[in-house]
PDB file of N, CA and C in Angstrom:
ATOM      1  N   MET A   1       0.842  -1.156   0.000  1.00  0.00           N
ATOM      2  CA  MET A   1       0.000   0.000   0.000  1.00  0.00           C
ATOM      3  C   MET A   1       0.898   1.234   0.000  1.00  0.00           C
ATOM      4  N   LYS A   2       0.544   2.223  -0.790  1.00  0.00           N
ATOM      5  CA  LYS A   2       1.332   3.442  -0.894  1.00  0.00           C
ATOM      6  C   LYS A   2       0.687   4.553  -0.073  1.00  0.00           C
ATOM      7  N   ILE A   3       1.527   5.257   0.697  1.00  0.00           N
ATOM      8  CA  ILE A   3       1.085   6.380   1.516  1.00  0.00           C
ATOM      9  C   ILE A   3       1.804   7.630   1.027  1.00  0.00           C
ATOM     10  N   PHE A   4       1.069   8.705   0.825  1.00  0.00           N
ATOM     11  CA  PHE A   4       1.665   9.990   0.505  1.00  0.00           C
ATOM     12  C   PHE A   4       1.729  10.798   1.788  1.00  0.00           C
ATOM     13  N   LEU A   5       2.926  11.171   2.201  1.00  0.00           N
ATOM     14  CA  LEU A   5       3.132  11.954   3.405  1.00  0.00           C
ATOM     15  C   LEU A   5       3.371  13.401   2.990  1.00  0.00           C
ATOM     16  N   ILE A   6       2.366  14.237   3.179  1.00  0.00           N
ATOM     17  CA  ILE A   6       2.430  15.641   2.778  1.00  0.00           C
ATOM     18  C   ILE A   6       2.830  16.457   4.004  1.00  0.00           C
ATOM     19  N   TYR A   7       3.869  17.266   3.860  1.00  0.00           N
ATOM     20  CA  TYR A   7       4.375  18.026   5.007  1.00  0.00           C
ATOM     21  C   TYR A   7       5.000  19.332   4.538  1.00  0.00           C
ATOM     22  N   GLY A   8       5.254  20.223   5.504  1.00  0.00           N
ATOM     23  CA  GLY A   8       5.805  21.544   5.189  1.00  0.00           C
ATOM     24  C   GLY A   8       4.677  22.549   5.138  1.00  0.00           C
ATOM     25  N   GLY A   9       4.634  23.344   4.103  1.00  0.00           N
ATOM     26  CA  GLY A   9       3.526  24.274   3.890  1.00  0.00           C
ATOM     27  C   GLY A   9       3.835  25.711   4.278  1.00  0.00           C
ATOM     28  N   LYS A  10       2.840  26.557   4.075  1.00  0.00           N
ATOM     29  CA  LYS A  10       2.995  27.990   4.251  1.00  0.00           C
ATOM     30  C   LYS A  10       2.800  28.462   5.687  1.00  0.00           C
ATOM     31  N   SER A  11       2.327  27.630   6.551  1.00  0.00           N
ATOM     32  CA  SER A  11       1.967  28.073   7.898  1.00  0.00           C
ATOM     33  C   SER A  11       3.178  28.310   8.784  1.00  0.00           C
ATOM     34  N   ALA A  12       2.928  28.894   9.937  1.00  0.00           N
ATOM     35  CA  ALA A  12       3.979  29.113  10.929  1.00  0.00           C
ATOM     36  C   ALA A  12       4.483  27.787  11.496  1.00  0.00           C
ATOM     37  N   GLU A  13       3.744  26.716  11.301  1.00  0.00           N
ATOM     38  CA  GLU A  13       4.108  25.388  11.805  1.00  0.00           C
ATOM     39  C   GLU A  13       4.940  24.585  10.806  1.00  0.00           C
ATOM     40  N   HIS A  14       5.529  25.249   9.825  1.00  0.00           N
ATOM     41  CA  HIS A  14       6.296  24.593   8.766  1.00  0.00           C
ATOM     42  C   HIS A  14       7.375  23.658   9.338  1.00  0.00           C
ATOM     43  N   ASP A  15       8.209  24.171  10.233  1.00  0.00           N
ATOM     44  CA  ASP A  15       9.310  23.368  10.777  1.00  0.00           C
ATOM     45  C   ASP A  15       8.803  22.213  11.631  1.00  0.00           C
ATOM     46  N   ILE A  16       7.740  22.431  12.377  1.00  0.00           N
ATOM     47  CA  ILE A  16       7.154  21.367  13.190  1.00  0.00           C
ATOM     48  C   ILE A  16       6.597  20.269  12.289  1.00  0.00           C
ATOM     49  N   SER A  17       6.029  20.650  11.163  1.00  0.00           N
ATOM     50  CA  SER A  17       5.515  19.679  10.200  1.00  0.00           C
ATOM     51  C   SER A  17       6.637  18.788   9.672  1.00  0.00           C
ATOM     52  N   ILE A  18       7.809  19.359   9.443  1.00  0.00           N
ATOM     53  CA  ILE A  18       8.962  18.579   8.978  1.00  0.00           C
ATOM     54  C   ILE A  18       9.394  17.584  10.054  1.00  0.00           C
ATOM     55  N   LEU A  19       9.463  18.043  11.294  1.00  0.00           N
ATOM     56  CA  LEU A  19       9.833  17.143  12.390  1.00  0.00           C
ATOM     57  C   LEU A  19       8.833  16.007  12.553  1.00  0.00           C
ATOM     58  N   THR A  20       7.562  16.319  12.427  1.00  0.00           N
ATOM     59  CA  THR A  20       6.525  15.294  12.541  1.00  0.00           C
ATOM     60  C   THR A  20       6.639  14.284  11.406  1.00  0.00           C
ATOM     61  N   ALA A  21       6.864  14.766  10.195  1.00  0.00           N
ATOM     62  CA  ALA A  21       7.025  13.868   9.048  1.00  0.00           C
ATOM     63  C   ALA A  21       8.225  12.947   9.250  1.00  0.00           C
ATOM     64  N   TYR A  22       9.310  13.503   9.782  1.00  0.00           N
ATOM     65  CA  TYR A  22      10.500  12.699  10.028  1.00  0.00           C
ATOM     66  C   TYR A  22      10.214  11.584  11.039  1.00  0.00           C
ATOM     67  N   SER A  23       9.471  11.915  12.094  1.00  0.00           N
ATOM     68  CA  SER A  23       9.160  10.890  13.101  1.00  0.00           C
ATOM     69  C   SER A  23       8.232   9.818  12.523  1.00  0.00           C
ATOM     70  N   ILE A  24       7.351  10.193  11.617  1.00  0.00           N
ATOM     71  CA  ILE A  24       6.469   9.218  10.959  1.00  0.00           C
ATOM     72  C   ILE A  24       7.287   8.302  10.053  1.00  0.00           C
ATOM     73  N   ILE A  25       8.192   8.894   9.266  1.00  0.00           N
ATOM     74  CA  ILE A  25       9.039   8.123   8.347  1.00  0.00           C
ATOM     75  C   ILE A  25       9.837   7.062   9.108  1.00  0.00           C
ATOM     76  N   LYS A  26      10.323   7.403  10.287  1.00  0.00           N
ATOM     77  CA  LYS A  26      11.125   6.464  11.067  1.00  0.00           C
ATOM     78  C   LYS A  26      10.308   5.290  11.593  1.00  0.00           C
ATOM     79  N   GLU A  27       8.999   5.448  11.764  1.00  0.00           N
ATOM     80  CA  GLU A  27       8.179   4.431  12.418  1.00  0.00           C
ATOM     81  C   GLU A  27       7.304   3.606  11.475  1.00  0.00           C
ATOM     82  N   VAL A  28       7.327   3.888  10.202  1.00  0.00           N
ATOM     83  CA  VAL A  28       6.468   3.183   9.242  1.00  0.00           C
ATOM     84  C   VAL A  28       6.898   1.723   9.111  1.00  0.00           C
ATOM     85  N   TYR A  29       5.942   0.863   9.000  1.00  0.00           N
ATOM     86  CA  TYR A  29       6.175  -0.568   8.768  1.00  0.00           C
ATOM     87  C   TYR A  29       6.392  -0.769   7.258  1.00  0.00           C
ATOM     88  N   TYR A  30       7.669  -0.744   6.833  1.00  0.00           N
ATOM     89  CA  TYR A  30       7.997  -0.728   5.411  1.00  0.00           C
ATOM     90  C   TYR A  30       7.777  -2.063   4.711  1.00  0.00           C
ATOM     91  N   ASP A  31       7.539  -3.127   5.453  1.00  0.00           N
ATOM     92  CA  ASP A  31       7.210  -4.396   4.803  1.00  0.00           C
ATOM     93  C   ASP A  31       5.817  -4.341   4.182  1.00  0.00           C
ATOM     94  N   TYR A  32       5.008  -3.409   4.649  1.00  0.00           N
ATOM     95  CA  TYR A  32       3.631  -3.310   4.163  1.00  0.00           C
ATOM     96  C   TYR A  32       3.360  -1.998   3.425  1.00  0.00           C
ATOM     97  N   TYR A  33       3.989  -0.907   3.866  1.00  0.00           N
ATOM     98  CA  TYR A  33       3.706   0.412   3.293  1.00  0.00           C
ATOM     99  C   TYR A  33       4.874   0.947   2.490  1.00  0.00           C
ATOM    100  N   GLU A  34       4.562   1.646   1.426  1.00  0.00           N
ATOM    101  CA  GLU A  34       5.543   2.405   0.652  1.00  0.00           C
ATOM    102  C   GLU A  34       5.201   3.879   0.861  1.00  0.00           C
ATOM    103  N   VAL A  35       6.171   4.654   1.316  1.00  0.00           N
ATOM    104  CA  VAL A  35       5.916   6.059   1.640  1.00  0.00           C
ATOM    105  C   VAL A  35       6.489   6.958   0.556  1.00  0.00           C
ATOM    106  N   GLU A  36       5.666   7.867   0.055  1.00  0.00           N
ATOM    107  CA  GLU A  36       6.088   8.867  -0.917  1.00  0.00           C
ATOM    108  C   GLU A  36       5.977  10.236  -0.244  1.00  0.00           C
ATOM    109  N   PRO A  37       7.122  10.798   0.225  1.00  0.00           N
ATOM    110  CA  PRO A  37       7.057  12.104   0.873  1.00  0.00           C
ATOM    111  C   PRO A  37       6.818  13.214  -0.145  1.00  0.00           C
ATOM    112  N   VAL A  38       5.933  14.134   0.193  1.00  0.00           N
ATOM    113  CA  VAL A  38       5.627  15.280  -0.661  1.00  0.00           C
ATOM    114  C   VAL A  38       5.850  16.537   0.173  1.00  0.00           C
ATOM    115  N   TYR A  39       6.897  17.271  -0.148  1.00  0.00           N
ATOM    116  CA  TYR A  39       7.261  18.476   0.593  1.00  0.00           C
ATOM    117  C   TYR A  39       6.597  19.696  -0.033  1.00  0.00           C
ATOM    118  N   ILE A  40       5.974  20.515   0.817  1.00  0.00           N
ATOM    119  CA  ILE A  40       5.389  21.777   0.378  1.00  0.00           C
ATOM    120  C   ILE A  40       6.306  22.887   0.901  1.00  0.00           C
ATOM    121  N   THR A  41       6.857  23.684  -0.004  1.00  0.00           N
ATOM    122  CA  THR A  41       7.771  24.751   0.383  1.00  0.00           C
ATOM    123  C   THR A  41       7.030  25.856   1.122  1.00  0.00           C
ATOM    124  N   ARG A  42       7.776  26.775   1.703  1.00  0.00           N
ATOM    125  CA  ARG A  42       7.171  27.890   2.443  1.00  0.00           C
ATOM    126  C   ARG A  42       6.324  28.791   1.557  1.00  0.00           C
ATOM    127  N   ASP A  43       6.582  28.781   0.250  1.00  0.00           N
ATOM    128  CA  ASP A  43       5.748  29.592  -0.635  1.00  0.00           C
ATOM    129  C   ASP A  43       4.645  28.762  -1.312  1.00  0.00           C
ATOM    130  N   GLY A  44       4.431  27.522  -0.860  1.00  0.00           N
ATOM    131  CA  GLY A  44       3.288  26.728  -1.304  1.00  0.00           C
ATOM    132  C   GLY A  44       3.512  25.806  -2.487  1.00  0.00           C
ATOM    133  N   ARG A  45       4.744  25.658  -2.936  1.00  0.00           N
ATOM    134  CA  ARG A  45       5.008  24.770  -4.075  1.00  0.00           C
ATOM    135  C   ARG A  45       5.399  23.377  -3.605  1.00  0.00           C
ATOM    136  N   MET A  46       4.991  22.355  -4.368  1.00  0.00           N
ATOM    137  CA  MET A  46       5.436  20.985  -4.098  1.00  0.00           C
ATOM    138  C   MET A  46       6.827  20.820  -4.692  1.00  0.00           C
ATOM    139  N   ASP A  47       7.730  20.218  -3.920  1.00  0.00           N
ATOM    140  CA  ASP A  47       9.103  20.050  -4.385  1.00  0.00           C
ATOM    141  C   ASP A  47       9.656  18.735  -3.841  1.00  0.00           C
ATOM    142  N   LYS A  48       9.692  17.706  -4.680  1.00  0.00           N
ATOM    143  CA  LYS A  48      10.204  16.400  -4.262  1.00  0.00           C
ATOM    144  C   LYS A  48      11.723  16.349  -4.276  1.00  0.00           C
ATOM    145  N   ARG A  49      12.363  17.148  -5.096  1.00  0.00           N
ATOM    146  CA  ARG A  49      13.821  17.073  -5.231  1.00  0.00           C
ATOM    147  C   ARG A  49      14.553  17.701  -4.059  1.00  0.00           C
ATOM    148  N   ARG A  50      14.008  18.740  -3.453  1.00  0.00           N
ATOM    149  CA  ARG A  50      14.699  19.427  -2.356  1.00  0.00           C
ATOM    150  C   ARG A  50      14.030  19.142  -1.013  1.00  0.00           C
ATOM    151  N   SER A  51      13.479  18.004  -0.865  1.00  0.00           N
ATOM    152  CA  SER A  51      12.790  17.626   0.367  1.00  0.00           C
ATOM    153  C   SER A  51      13.759  17.500   1.533  1.00  0.00           C
ATOM    154  N   PRO A  52      13.456  18.129   2.672  1.00  0.00           N
ATOM    155  CA  PRO A  52      14.320  17.967   3.850  1.00  0.00           C
ATOM    156  C   PRO A  52      14.445  16.515   4.306  1.00  0.00           C
ATOM    157  N   LEU A  53      13.464  15.678   4.003  1.00  0.00           N
ATOM    158  CA  LEU A  53      13.528  14.279   4.426  1.00  0.00           C
ATOM    159  C   LEU A  53      14.483  13.457   3.578  1.00  0.00           C
ATOM    160  N   THR A  54      14.867  13.941   2.411  1.00  0.00           N
ATOM    161  CA  THR A  54      15.746  13.166   1.540  1.00  0.00           C
ATOM    162  C   THR A  54      17.198  13.581   1.669  1.00  0.00           C
ATOM    163  N   ARG A  55      17.482  14.596   2.487  1.00  0.00           N
ATOM    164  CA  ARG A  55      18.867  15.001   2.715  1.00  0.00           C
ATOM    165  C   ARG A  55      19.521  14.062   3.710  1.00  0.00           C
ATOM    166  N   GLN A  56      20.837  14.044   3.696  1.00  0.00           N
ATOM    167  CA  GLN A  56      21.556  13.167   4.608  1.00  0.00           C
ATOM    168  C   GLN A  56      21.311  13.553   6.065  1.00  0.00           C
ATOM    169  N   LYS A  57      21.346  14.832   6.378  1.00  0.00           N
ATOM    170  CA  LYS A  57      21.050  15.329   7.722  1.00  0.00           C
ATOM    171  C   LYS A  57      19.889  16.306   7.604  1.00  0.00           C
ATOM    172  N   PRO A  58      18.654  15.808   7.679  1.00  0.00           N
ATOM    173  CA  PRO A  58      17.506  16.644   7.345  1.00  0.00           C
ATOM    174  C   PRO A  58      17.249  17.802   8.286  1.00  0.00           C
ATOM    175  N   PHE A  59      17.745  17.771   9.508  1.00  0.00           N
ATOM    176  CA  PHE A  59      17.360  18.811  10.449  1.00  0.00           C
ATOM    177  C   PHE A  59      18.538  19.607  10.969  1.00  0.00           C
ATOM    178  N   ASN A  60      19.613  19.696  10.197  1.00  0.00           N
ATOM    179  CA  ASN A  60      20.745  20.472  10.664  1.00  0.00           C
ATOM    180  C   ASN A  60      20.431  21.968  10.708  1.00  0.00           C
ATOM    181  N   PHE A  61      19.355  22.418  10.095  1.00  0.00           N
ATOM    182  CA  PHE A  61      18.976  23.827  10.106  1.00  0.00           C
ATOM    183  C   PHE A  61      18.134  24.186  11.329  1.00  0.00           C
ATOM    184  N   LEU A  62      17.671  23.190  12.063  1.00  0.00           N
ATOM    185  CA  LEU A  62      16.731  23.426  13.153  1.00  0.00           C
ATOM    186  C   LEU A  62      17.366  23.028  14.475  1.00  0.00           C
ATOM    187  N   LYS A  63      17.506  23.978  15.368  1.00  0.00           N
ATOM    188  CA  LYS A  63      18.091  23.710  16.678  1.00  0.00           C
ATOM    189  C   LYS A  63      16.963  23.621  17.703  1.00  0.00           C
ATOM    190  N   LEU A  64      16.955  22.546  18.439  1.00  0.00           N
ATOM    191  CA  LEU A  64      15.932  22.356  19.472  1.00  0.00           C
ATOM    192  C   LEU A  64      16.577  22.550  20.831  1.00  0.00           C
ATOM    193  N   TYR A  65      15.924  23.297  21.668  1.00  0.00           N
ATOM    194  CA  TYR A  65      16.405  23.529  23.031  1.00  0.00           C
ATOM    195  C   TYR A  65      15.419  22.940  24.016  1.00  0.00           C
ATOM    196  N   VAL A  66      15.919  22.168  24.949  1.00  0.00           N
ATOM    197  CA  VAL A  66      15.055  21.529  25.956  1.00  0.00           C
ATOM    198  C   VAL A  66      15.277  22.203  27.291  1.00  0.00           C
TER     199      VAL A  66
END
């Protein structure tokens, strides 16, 4: 079964959406599901080639403080 994971977008929650997508990608049962990530840029365009999830270190731009 194929799942399209749409994340990013124009909202103020853009970075949180990326983090959520990353956590979903890590937990998917890949023996059953095929995931196709679809990144929405901050200006509203779909961009599969520059997806933060396909980079080697997807979250090096985001610093989290606890």
